[in-house]
Protein backbone atom coordinates (compact mmCIF):
# COMPACT_ATOMS: atom_id res chain seq x y z
CA MET A 1 158.97 138.15 -119.85
CA ILE A 2 157.90 141.78 -120.93
CA ALA A 3 154.27 140.12 -121.33
CA ARG A 4 154.77 138.41 -117.83
CA GLU A 5 155.68 141.96 -116.33
CA THR A 6 152.99 143.33 -117.89
CA ARG A 7 150.46 141.28 -116.55
CA ALA A 8 151.93 140.98 -113.15
CA ASP A 9 151.88 144.70 -112.78
CA LEU A 10 148.05 144.81 -113.83
CA ILE A 11 147.26 142.33 -111.28
CA GLY A 12 149.09 144.36 -108.55
CA GLU A 13 146.81 147.44 -109.88
CA LEU A 14 143.82 145.11 -109.79
CA ARG A 15 144.43 144.14 -106.23
CA LYS A 16 144.91 147.66 -105.42
CA LEU A 17 141.11 148.41 -106.25
CA ALA A 18 139.88 145.38 -104.42
CA ALA A 19 141.89 147.18 -101.26
CA PHE A 20 139.85 150.41 -101.92
CA PHE A 21 136.76 149.00 -102.32
CA ARG A 22 137.43 147.03 -98.94
CA ARG A 23 138.25 150.26 -97.26
CA ASP A 24 135.24 151.77 -98.35
CA LEU A 25 132.75 149.09 -97.75
CA LEU A 26 134.25 149.02 -94.13
CA VAL A 27 133.68 152.80 -93.90
CA ALA A 28 130.09 152.78 -94.93
CA PHE A 29 129.49 150.05 -92.62
CA SER A 30 131.01 151.81 -89.90
CA TYR A 31 128.64 154.88 -90.31
CA ARG A 32 125.51 152.77 -90.27
CA LEU A 33 123.34 155.50 -89.16
CA ALA A 34 124.45 157.73 -92.20
CA PHE A 35 124.01 154.98 -94.27
CA VAL A 36 120.37 154.05 -93.20
CA SER A 37 120.04 157.96 -93.01
CA ASP A 38 120.39 157.91 -96.65
CA TRP A 39 117.93 155.40 -97.61
CA VAL A 40 115.06 157.19 -95.16
CA ASN A 41 115.68 160.20 -96.77
CA LEU A 42 114.94 159.27 -100.25
CA LEU A 43 112.02 157.26 -98.96
CA VAL A 44 110.78 160.45 -97.33
CA GLN A 45 111.31 162.38 -100.54
CA VAL A 46 109.25 159.92 -102.55
CA VAL A 47 106.45 160.32 -99.70
CA VAL A 48 106.13 164.03 -100.03
CA LEU A 49 106.36 164.02 -104.15
CA GLY A 50 103.55 161.59 -103.57
CA PHE A 51 101.36 163.78 -101.95
CA VAL A 52 102.23 166.58 -104.41
CA GLY A 53 101.10 164.08 -107.13
CA ARG A 54 97.76 164.03 -105.83
CA LEU A 55 97.18 167.35 -106.87
CA ILE A 56 98.75 166.62 -110.62
CA PRO A 57 96.31 165.07 -112.62
CA SER A 58 97.88 162.39 -115.00
CA SER A 59 96.56 164.68 -118.05
CA ALA A 60 99.23 167.46 -117.20
CA LEU A 61 101.74 164.26 -117.61
CA PRO A 62 103.09 162.80 -120.85
CA THR A 63 102.26 159.02 -121.79
CA PHE A 64 104.49 156.59 -122.03
CA GLY A 65 103.73 153.55 -124.51
CA GLY A 66 100.30 155.06 -125.07
CA ARG A 67 99.87 155.09 -121.17
CA PRO A 68 98.86 157.76 -118.89
CA VAL A 69 100.91 157.85 -115.73
CA SER A 70 100.59 159.04 -111.95
CA TYR A 71 103.10 161.74 -111.01
CA LEU A 72 104.83 159.07 -108.69
CA GLN A 73 105.54 157.27 -111.33
CA PHE A 74 106.70 159.81 -113.47
CA VAL A 75 108.84 161.31 -110.80
CA ALA A 76 109.98 157.87 -109.20
CA VAL A 77 112.30 157.47 -112.29
CA GLY A 78 113.69 160.97 -112.24
CA ILE A 79 114.50 160.90 -108.52
CA ALA A 80 116.69 157.71 -108.91
CA ILE A 81 118.31 159.26 -111.92
CA GLY A 82 119.12 162.81 -110.11
CA SER A 83 120.11 161.14 -106.63
CA PHE A 84 122.39 158.94 -108.91
CA VAL A 85 123.94 162.09 -110.17
CA GLN A 86 123.98 164.14 -107.14
CA LEU A 87 125.38 160.88 -104.89
CA GLY A 88 127.86 160.17 -107.74
CA MET A 89 129.60 163.40 -107.96
CA GLN A 90 129.82 163.83 -104.40
CA ARG A 91 131.31 160.84 -104.07
CA VAL A 92 134.07 161.13 -106.22
CA THR A 93 135.08 164.66 -105.20
CA SER A 94 134.47 163.82 -101.37
CA GLY A 95 137.18 161.03 -102.13
CA VAL A 96 139.73 163.49 -102.78
CA ARG A 97 138.63 166.06 -100.27
CA SER A 98 138.50 163.28 -97.59
CA GLU A 99 141.82 162.15 -98.37
CA GLN A 100 142.86 165.87 -97.90
CA LEU A 101 141.61 166.32 -94.95
CA MET A 102 143.00 163.20 -93.30
CA GLY A 103 146.46 164.21 -94.56
CA THR A 104 146.78 160.83 -96.40
CA LEU A 105 146.38 162.21 -100.62
CA GLU A 106 149.85 163.14 -100.74
CA ALA A 107 150.97 159.87 -98.95
CA ILE A 108 148.71 158.15 -101.62
CA LEU A 109 149.92 159.46 -104.84
CA ALA A 110 153.46 158.99 -103.59
CA THR A 111 152.85 155.03 -103.71
CA PRO A 112 153.98 153.20 -106.81
CA THR A 113 150.42 153.13 -107.94
CA ASN A 114 149.09 154.44 -111.49
CA LEU A 115 147.44 157.82 -111.24
CA LEU A 116 144.28 155.58 -113.20
CA THR A 117 143.93 153.20 -110.50
CA ILE A 118 144.09 155.76 -107.61
CA GLN A 119 141.01 157.60 -109.65
CA VAL A 120 139.19 154.34 -110.11
CA GLY A 121 139.97 153.27 -106.65
CA TRP A 122 138.46 156.61 -105.18
CA VAL A 123 135.03 155.64 -106.64
CA ILE A 124 135.23 151.83 -107.01
CA TYR A 125 132.84 151.55 -104.44
CA ASP A 126 130.32 153.99 -105.88
CA ILE A 127 130.54 152.09 -109.10
CA VAL A 128 129.25 148.93 -107.73
CA TYR A 129 127.01 150.64 -104.81
CA VAL A 130 125.12 153.42 -106.68
CA PRO A 131 123.92 151.45 -109.62
CA LEU A 132 122.88 148.76 -107.27
CA ARG A 133 121.00 151.30 -104.80
CA THR A 134 119.58 153.58 -108.35
CA LEU A 135 118.00 149.77 -108.93
CA LEU A 136 116.89 148.56 -105.62
CA PHE A 137 114.98 152.03 -105.17
CA LEU A 138 112.89 151.60 -107.95
CA VAL A 139 112.29 148.08 -107.48
CA ALA A 140 110.91 149.25 -103.60
CA MET A 141 108.88 151.96 -105.52
CA ASP A 142 107.17 149.34 -107.42
CA LEU A 143 106.77 147.24 -104.54
CA ILE A 144 105.66 149.69 -102.16
CA GLY A 145 104.33 153.06 -103.97
CA GLY A 146 102.99 150.45 -106.88
CA ILE A 147 104.25 152.60 -109.73
CA GLN A 148 104.23 149.27 -112.07
CA LEU A 149 107.18 149.12 -113.61
CA SER A 150 107.74 147.25 -116.95
CA PRO A 151 109.72 144.13 -116.46
CA SER A 152 110.43 143.95 -120.10
CA GLY A 153 112.10 147.57 -120.05
CA LEU A 154 114.65 146.25 -116.83
CA LEU A 155 117.40 145.20 -119.16
CA PRO A 156 117.21 148.29 -121.75
CA ALA A 157 117.45 150.58 -118.74
CA LEU A 158 120.17 148.77 -117.29
CA VAL A 159 122.14 149.50 -120.74
CA VAL A 160 121.15 153.10 -120.23
CA LEU A 161 122.49 153.38 -116.75
CA PHE A 162 125.70 151.94 -117.39
CA ALA A 163 126.40 154.36 -120.58
CA PHE A 164 125.01 156.99 -118.14
CA ILE A 165 127.88 155.90 -115.35
CA PRO A 166 131.24 157.38 -117.05
CA PHE A 167 129.12 160.89 -117.81
CA VAL A 168 128.98 161.22 -114.04
CA TRP A 169 132.38 159.77 -113.18
CA GLY A 170 133.81 162.65 -115.57
CA LEU A 171 131.87 165.27 -114.09
CA GLY A 172 132.90 164.04 -110.50
CA VAL A 173 136.53 163.88 -111.90
CA LEU A 174 136.41 167.21 -113.05
CA SER A 175 134.97 168.40 -109.44
CA ALA A 176 137.74 166.66 -107.81
CA ALA A 177 139.79 168.49 -110.16
CA GLY A 178 138.72 171.60 -108.81
CA THR A 179 138.81 170.61 -105.37
CA MET A 180 142.61 169.36 -105.97
CA THR A 181 143.61 173.22 -107.03
CA PHE A 182 140.76 175.38 -104.76
CA ARG A 183 139.83 172.89 -101.83
CA ARG A 184 136.29 174.15 -101.46
CA GLY A 185 133.94 175.88 -103.58
CA THR A 186 134.74 174.60 -107.29
CA GLY A 187 131.11 175.60 -108.39
CA LEU A 188 130.23 172.25 -110.55
CA GLY A 189 128.09 171.52 -107.79
CA LEU A 190 125.69 174.46 -108.60
CA LEU A 191 126.33 173.05 -112.70
CA THR A 192 125.18 169.53 -111.67
CA THR A 193 122.11 171.27 -109.69
CA LEU A 194 120.73 173.09 -112.72
CA LEU A 195 121.40 170.26 -115.42
CA THR A 196 119.35 168.00 -112.82
CA VAL A 197 116.68 170.59 -112.53
CA SER A 198 116.60 170.84 -116.31
CA SER A 199 116.59 167.53 -117.37
CA GLY A 200 112.95 166.73 -116.54
CA ALA A 201 113.30 164.56 -113.39
CA TYR A 202 110.85 166.36 -111.43
CA PHE A 203 108.50 168.29 -114.06
CA PRO A 204 108.05 167.29 -117.94
CA LEU A 205 110.34 169.64 -120.02
CA THR A 206 107.19 171.34 -121.61
CA VAL A 207 106.50 173.55 -118.88
CA LEU A 208 109.63 175.37 -119.63
CA PRO A 209 109.92 178.43 -121.57
CA GLU A 210 109.82 177.53 -125.47
CA TRP A 211 113.36 178.71 -126.00
CA ALA A 212 114.87 176.56 -123.35
CA ARG A 213 113.29 173.37 -124.42
CA PRO A 214 115.42 172.50 -127.07
CA VAL A 215 118.55 173.31 -124.69
CA ALA A 216 117.24 170.78 -121.96
CA ALA A 217 116.31 168.17 -124.51
CA ALA A 218 120.09 168.07 -125.24
CA ASN A 219 120.90 167.65 -121.79
CA PRO A 220 122.42 164.06 -120.97
CA ILE A 221 120.75 163.97 -118.00
CA ALA A 222 117.38 164.50 -119.69
CA LEU A 223 118.42 161.65 -122.17
CA ALA A 224 118.94 159.01 -119.39
CA VAL A 225 115.60 160.05 -117.99
CA GLU A 226 113.29 160.15 -120.92
CA ALA A 227 114.87 157.04 -121.93
CA MET A 228 114.75 154.78 -118.85
CA ARG A 229 110.92 156.34 -118.23
CA GLU A 230 110.22 154.92 -121.88
CA ALA A 231 111.54 151.68 -121.19
CA LEU A 232 110.43 151.45 -117.39
CA LEU A 233 107.05 152.62 -117.57
CA GLY A 234 106.08 152.24 -121.33
CA THR A 235 106.44 149.59 -124.08
CA GLY A 236 109.49 151.70 -125.34
CA GLY A 237 111.80 148.66 -125.49
CA TRP A 238 115.16 148.96 -127.08
CA GLU A 239 114.90 151.63 -129.80
CA PRO A 240 114.41 154.68 -127.17
CA ALA A 241 117.37 153.14 -124.68
CA LEU A 242 119.67 152.82 -128.18
CA GLY A 243 118.99 155.89 -128.89
CA ALA A 244 119.98 157.45 -125.67
CA VAL A 245 123.04 155.16 -125.66
CA ALA A 246 124.17 156.25 -128.91
CA VAL A 247 124.34 160.42 -127.52
CA LEU A 248 125.57 159.17 -124.21
CA VAL A 249 128.55 157.46 -124.92
CA PRO A 250 130.20 160.35 -126.93
CA ALA A 251 129.15 162.60 -124.43
CA ALA A 252 130.58 160.69 -121.49
CA ALA A 253 133.95 159.97 -122.96
CA LEU A 254 134.26 163.85 -123.73
CA THR A 255 133.58 164.20 -119.99
CA LEU A 256 135.44 161.84 -118.78
CA VAL A 257 138.69 162.77 -120.83
CA THR A 258 137.96 166.49 -119.62
CA GLY A 259 138.00 165.34 -116.18
CA VAL A 260 140.93 163.34 -116.25
CA VAL A 261 142.99 165.51 -117.83
CA ALA A 262 141.86 168.58 -115.85
CA PHE A 263 142.60 166.67 -112.78
CA ARG A 264 146.11 165.28 -114.20
CA LEU A 265 146.81 169.36 -114.72
CA ALA A 266 145.62 170.08 -111.35
CA LEU A 267 147.90 167.41 -109.95
CA ARG A 268 150.87 168.35 -111.96
CA ARG A 269 150.53 172.13 -110.53
CA GLU A 270 149.99 171.34 -106.69
CA ARG A 271 152.93 168.85 -107.22
CA ARG A 272 155.26 171.82 -108.57
CA ARG A 273 154.07 174.18 -106.09
CA GLY A 274 154.42 171.56 -103.44
CA THR A 275 150.86 171.94 -102.06
CA VAL A 276 149.45 168.79 -102.95
CA GLY A 277 148.97 167.76 -98.73
CA LEU A 278 147.79 171.37 -98.18
CA TYR A 279 143.65 171.60 -97.06
């Protein structure tokens, strides 16, 4: 009897996730211009960096699999991961902020829905869309920009990407906790920008001051970028990917737990003060 009730509760929570996904999908398609502009801006960024790349010789860049790469090849993977981080962070935080501004946050939290279901529901659309967007972008760059990705490296790159998702989600939930408390200006956006800039997404880490290189190399975003470059541009295979995953998984777990705990504490504080619905 208890097992049947537990199974029914689980099915009910999964249906709620499907409802969250359907809602966000309809919202995305209702703002088609913003959807298209996102892709256009991304491609324009690549075109601009492609021209910049003409000023940067391959000899100034690291090699992958013993092969030199162009700056467009080098930066395309960095842009994909950097945009993934920025978009993932933004969507998690904007999910809470949008509910605040629409006046629906308190109503959603008052429903008999598990808090974890609500947190996942806010990002369920992005858990599907953002990795798909990242992969489609890399494929488009391979077809249009001729960056020559290695097909054999696609699966290792996917493994790295999916190990990296919880890290981004954890940062997003932590930022959402700040939004819950301070409404605006949590400061985590600046932290994310610093992590992205110091990840080697746009330039090799070797150009950094010598004292900063070990710190930047330990950046989880840098680990993900480097492992995906080795997989997609070189012949790194599984070894670099699994090495990165071994570091990313505990880092992601720590970030995710910290974010979830911070969000619960922020929500408890707002409920105690009676300010959940304020924005």
